[in-house]
Structures are given as C-alpha cells and as structure tokens.
Protein backbone atom coordinates (compact mmCIF):
# COMPACT_ATOMS: atom_id res chain seq x y z
CA UNK A 1 39.29 -82.20 9.38
CA UNK A 2 35.77 -81.77 7.51
CA UNK A 3 34.75 -84.27 5.05
CA UNK A 4 34.01 -83.18 1.41
CA UNK A 5 30.36 -84.19 2.41
CA UNK A 6 30.32 -81.75 5.38
CA UNK A 7 31.67 -79.04 3.00
CA UNK A 8 29.03 -79.64 0.35
CA UNK A 9 26.12 -79.78 3.50
CA UNK A 10 27.64 -76.47 4.24
CA UNK A 11 27.41 -75.05 0.71
CA UNK A 12 24.01 -75.96 0.36
CA UNK A 13 22.89 -74.66 3.38
CA UNK A 14 24.00 -71.11 1.90
CA UNK A 15 22.80 -71.49 -1.59
CA UNK A 16 20.11 -74.50 -2.00
CA UNK A 17 19.65 -74.61 -5.34
CA UNK A 18 23.43 -75.50 -6.51
CA UNK A 19 23.51 -78.40 -8.68
CA UNK A 20 25.32 -81.30 -6.22
CA UNK A 21 28.11 -81.93 -9.18
CA UNK A 22 29.31 -78.16 -8.48
CA UNK A 23 28.93 -77.90 -4.81
CA UNK A 24 31.04 -81.24 -4.74
CA UNK A 25 33.83 -79.84 -7.41
CA UNK A 26 33.94 -76.99 -5.11
CA UNK A 27 34.26 -78.73 -1.63
CA UNK A 28 36.83 -80.95 -3.17
CA UNK A 29 38.74 -77.99 -4.07
CA UNK A 30 38.21 -76.29 -0.54
CA UNK A 31 39.40 -79.44 1.38
CA UNK A 32 42.34 -79.72 -0.07
CA UNK A 33 43.22 -75.92 -0.28
CA UNK A 34 42.59 -75.65 3.40
CA UNK A 35 43.76 -78.86 4.59
CA UNK A 36 47.33 -77.63 2.98
CA UNK A 37 46.78 -74.09 4.71
CA UNK A 38 45.58 -75.46 8.04
CA UNK A 39 42.21 -73.43 7.84
CA UNK A 40 38.92 -74.65 8.31
CA UNK A 41 36.75 -74.85 5.40
CA UNK A 42 33.81 -73.67 7.04
CA UNK A 43 35.47 -70.33 7.02
CA UNK A 44 35.67 -70.21 3.55
CA UNK A 45 32.26 -71.43 2.94
CA UNK A 46 30.87 -68.49 5.02
CA UNK A 47 33.00 -65.86 3.22
CA UNK A 48 32.08 -66.93 0.11
CA UNK A 49 28.57 -67.05 1.30
CA UNK A 50 29.21 -63.05 2.19
CA UNK A 51 31.28 -62.08 -0.76
CA UNK A 52 29.32 -63.51 -3.73
CA UNK A 53 26.53 -66.03 -2.58
CA UNK A 54 28.50 -68.78 -4.60
CA UNK A 55 27.83 -66.52 -7.80
CA UNK A 56 31.25 -67.19 -9.76
CA UNK A 57 30.81 -64.71 -12.45
CA UNK A 58 30.00 -61.58 -10.03
CA UNK A 59 32.09 -58.50 -10.45
CA UNK A 60 31.71 -55.73 -7.86
CA UNK A 61 30.27 -52.49 -8.96
CA UNK A 62 33.89 -50.67 -9.46
CA UNK A 63 34.98 -53.27 -11.25
CA UNK A 64 37.72 -54.46 -8.87
CA UNK A 65 36.72 -57.56 -7.15
CA UNK A 66 35.51 -60.95 -8.98
CA UNK A 67 34.34 -64.33 -8.85
CA UNK A 68 32.98 -66.23 -5.84
CA UNK A 69 35.72 -64.69 -2.90
CA UNK A 70 35.81 -61.17 -4.74
CA UNK A 71 39.44 -61.51 -5.42
CA UNK A 72 40.68 -58.02 -6.37
CA UNK A 73 42.11 -58.63 -9.79
CA UNK A 74 44.64 -56.04 -9.81
CA UNK A 75 47.04 -57.64 -7.71
CA UNK A 76 47.44 -60.87 -9.87
CA UNK A 77 49.51 -61.76 -12.29
CA UNK A 78 49.47 -59.60 -15.76
CA UNK A 79 47.16 -57.03 -13.86
CA UNK A 80 49.86 -55.93 -11.49
CA UNK A 81 51.78 -54.35 -14.32
CA UNK A 82 48.60 -53.00 -16.17
CA UNK A 83 48.05 -49.15 -16.21
CA UNK A 84 44.39 -49.61 -16.26
CA UNK A 85 43.47 -53.21 -14.97
CA UNK A 86 39.62 -52.29 -14.95
CA UNK A 87 39.08 -49.59 -17.17
CA UNK A 88 41.04 -50.67 -20.02
CA UNK A 89 42.44 -53.77 -19.53
CA UNK A 90 45.24 -55.09 -21.67
CA UNK A 91 44.84 -58.49 -23.07
CA UNK A 92 47.24 -60.46 -20.12
CA UNK A 93 45.13 -58.89 -17.34
CA UNK A 94 41.98 -59.68 -18.96
CA UNK A 95 42.81 -63.39 -19.19
CA UNK A 96 43.63 -62.87 -15.52
CA UNK A 97 40.28 -61.31 -14.97
CA UNK A 98 38.60 -64.23 -16.77
CA UNK A 99 40.38 -66.95 -14.88
CA UNK A 100 39.27 -65.37 -11.92
CA UNK A 101 35.39 -65.78 -12.92
CA UNK A 102 36.48 -69.64 -12.56
CA UNK A 103 34.78 -70.90 -9.34
CA UNK A 104 37.82 -73.41 -8.70
CA UNK A 105 40.66 -71.38 -9.45
CA UNK A 106 39.39 -68.43 -7.62
CA UNK A 107 38.73 -70.53 -4.42
CA UNK A 108 42.12 -71.74 -4.48
CA UNK A 109 43.20 -67.83 -4.92
CA UNK A 110 41.01 -67.18 -1.88
CA UNK A 111 42.60 -69.71 0.66
CA UNK A 112 46.00 -68.59 -0.69
CA UNK A 113 44.91 -64.64 0.03
CA UNK A 114 43.66 -66.23 3.84
CA UNK A 115 47.08 -67.67 4.37
CA UNK A 116 49.36 -65.11 3.27
CA UNK A 117 47.23 -62.54 5.42
CA UNK A 118 47.16 -64.84 8.60
CA UNK A 119 50.74 -64.94 7.98
CA UNK A 120 51.38 -61.50 7.73
CA UNK A 121 48.77 -60.42 10.68
CA UNK A 122 51.26 -62.72 12.65
CA UNK A 123 54.08 -61.13 11.53
CA UNK A 124 53.50 -57.68 11.83
CA UNK A 125 51.24 -57.78 15.06
CA UNK A 126 51.98 -61.30 16.83
CA UNK A 127 48.20 -62.07 16.42
CA UNK A 128 46.50 -63.96 13.84
CA UNK A 129 43.11 -64.94 15.02
CA UNK A 130 40.13 -65.35 12.35
CA UNK A 131 39.02 -61.68 12.82
CA UNK A 132 42.53 -60.13 12.27
CA UNK A 133 42.77 -62.47 9.09
CA UNK A 134 39.57 -61.67 7.84
CA UNK A 135 40.66 -57.81 8.36
CA UNK A 136 43.46 -58.28 6.02
CA UNK A 137 41.81 -60.15 3.42
CA UNK A 138 38.97 -57.47 3.45
CA UNK A 139 41.62 -54.63 2.64
CA UNK A 140 41.14 -53.34 6.31
CA UNK A 141 44.87 -52.75 6.68
CA UNK A 142 46.45 -49.24 6.28
CA UNK A 143 50.59 -49.81 6.11
CA UNK A 144 50.98 -46.16 5.90
CA UNK A 145 49.08 -45.37 9.03
CA UNK A 146 50.59 -48.11 10.92
CA UNK A 147 47.37 -50.30 11.19
CA UNK A 148 47.24 -54.08 10.39
CA UNK A 149 44.87 -56.57 10.60
CA UNK A 150 42.17 -54.50 12.58
CA UNK A 151 45.24 -53.70 14.88
CA UNK A 152 46.56 -49.69 15.19
CA UNK A 153 49.83 -48.95 16.92
CA UNK A 154 49.76 -46.46 19.78
CA UNK A 155 52.07 -45.70 22.31
CA UNK A 156 54.25 -48.60 21.79
CA UNK A 157 51.36 -51.04 21.55
CA UNK A 158 48.52 -52.55 19.31
CA UNK A 159 45.09 -51.27 20.24
CA UNK A 160 42.07 -53.07 18.71
CA UNK A 161 40.35 -51.18 16.20
CA UNK A 162 36.16 -51.97 15.94
CA UNK A 163 35.11 -54.63 13.24
CA UNK A 164 33.29 -53.94 10.69
CA UNK A 165 29.95 -55.11 10.24
CA UNK A 166 31.42 -57.12 6.64
CA UNK A 167 33.68 -59.27 9.13
CA UNK A 168 31.18 -59.60 11.86
CA UNK A 169 28.70 -61.15 9.34
CA UNK A 170 31.28 -63.87 8.12
CA UNK A 171 32.31 -64.73 11.48
CA UNK A 172 28.51 -65.45 12.25
CA UNK A 173 27.94 -67.05 9.66
CA UNK A 174 30.83 -69.46 10.59
CA UNK A 175 29.45 -70.04 14.14
CA UNK A 176 25.92 -71.04 12.53
CA UNK A 177 27.41 -73.55 10.54
CA UNK A 178 29.45 -74.52 13.49
CA UNK A 179 26.35 -75.10 15.61
CA UNK A 180 24.14 -76.24 12.67
CA UNK A 181 26.78 -79.18 12.30
CA UNK A 182 27.30 -79.74 15.89
CA UNK A 183 23.32 -80.14 16.11
CA UNK A 184 23.12 -82.61 13.22
CA UNK A 185 26.15 -84.58 13.68
CA UNK A 186 25.55 -86.51 10.38
CA UNK A 187 21.71 -87.38 11.28
CA UNK A 188 19.88 -84.51 10.09
CA UNK A 189 17.78 -84.81 6.76
CA UNK A 190 19.82 -82.26 5.23
CA UNK A 191 22.68 -83.78 6.01
CA UNK A 192 21.61 -87.28 4.88
CA UNK A 193 20.22 -85.84 1.77
CA UNK A 194 23.63 -84.87 0.82
CA UNK A 195 25.06 -88.09 1.39
CA UNK A 196 22.37 -89.74 -0.94
CA UNK A 197 23.22 -87.60 -3.74
CA UNK A 198 26.57 -87.89 -3.53
CA UNK A 199 26.41 -91.30 -3.64
CA UNK A 200 24.13 -91.40 -6.43
CA UNK A 201 26.88 -89.01 -7.95
CA UNK A 202 29.73 -90.91 -7.65
CA UNK A 203 27.85 -94.21 -8.97
CA UNK A 204 26.63 -92.09 -12.13
CA UNK A 205 30.66 -91.24 -12.79
CA UNK A 206 31.72 -95.21 -12.78
C-alpha cells in the first residue's frame, strides 16, 4: 500500500505548484478510498492528471463532465431524474454539480466509479484488468452493441478492441510514476522535499 507521502509526491509530479496542504488532503482521501477498494493510488493520480490536471472546478466543454476526475453529473443524485441536467439543471441537480467541484468529494466518486466498473467488467466479460476498467470509466462500453470494457462479443467469444489514446495515456502515466518511484526509493530530492514539507505541515497543525 502506498503511503500518504508517496501519493503526495505523485500528485506533485503532476502539478508541482499545488499547495502542500491541498496535496496532502487529496492524498489522504485517495489512500483511504483506494485501500478500501483495493486499487493502486497511482492509478487515480494518473487518471486525474489526464482528466483535469488537478483542477477541481474544471467543467468539460459540453458541460457534462465535472471536477478532478471529470465525473459525468447526469448519473448522480438529483441529476439522474433531471430532464435537463446540463443546459437547465434544477436546484437539486445544481447542488450535485457544485458538490462534484469539491476536490475531495470528486476523488471519492472517482474511486467508487472505478470500483464499480471493475466489478462490471469482471461480471460481463470475465476480465477486469486496468485497461478494461479504464475503458468502462471513460464511457467506452456500449451494451446495446454487446460491447463492454473494450471487448466486443463476436462468434461466442470476447474480442479485444483497439485501445483509445486516452486510456493509453493514463496507463503510460501510471507506469511512469511507478518507474520513477522505483528509481527514487525514497532517496531522491523531490521525495525528500515532500517529506520535509509534510513534516512542517504537521508541526504547524499541532
């Protein structure tokens, strides 16, 4: 299991200018949620790096996807029953959309969505590798066409579809973080800097 310090280090590899207090807050949520869901925290860091570059208030151009993990609001809470969750959302849906712009809450929804897609991929196709889970998370499943998690049912068996560049970038980013961490092993300057900053942060809160 990755430590909070390692997750903070990974976040700052993506967004070096982030306030250490915010990075620490995000890292604690990621660690707690991924521990419960049995996910590698670096997967979440890589996904958020691609989706929003750690901008909690980011909204996609079409207004559908919100926050750090670009969560699709129409599938949550009051937005699910709202007739126009993007162009003219009601009061309840507006509250959902506003909440998704809170970084810590959005991260919890990211891990929940990843966990649900991993279960769905395994149930539907018998496979739940990282690639499959990310394909599902990215909306690349089409149940009506019998396509799930990057796999299509043909002649009684599941055939792998091409991996979109979006998913490839997230996987490559995670691999990069894993390699950097392996080389660093807690001794590199960037990691030591994170440890010192976290020590000062904790001391200031006592």
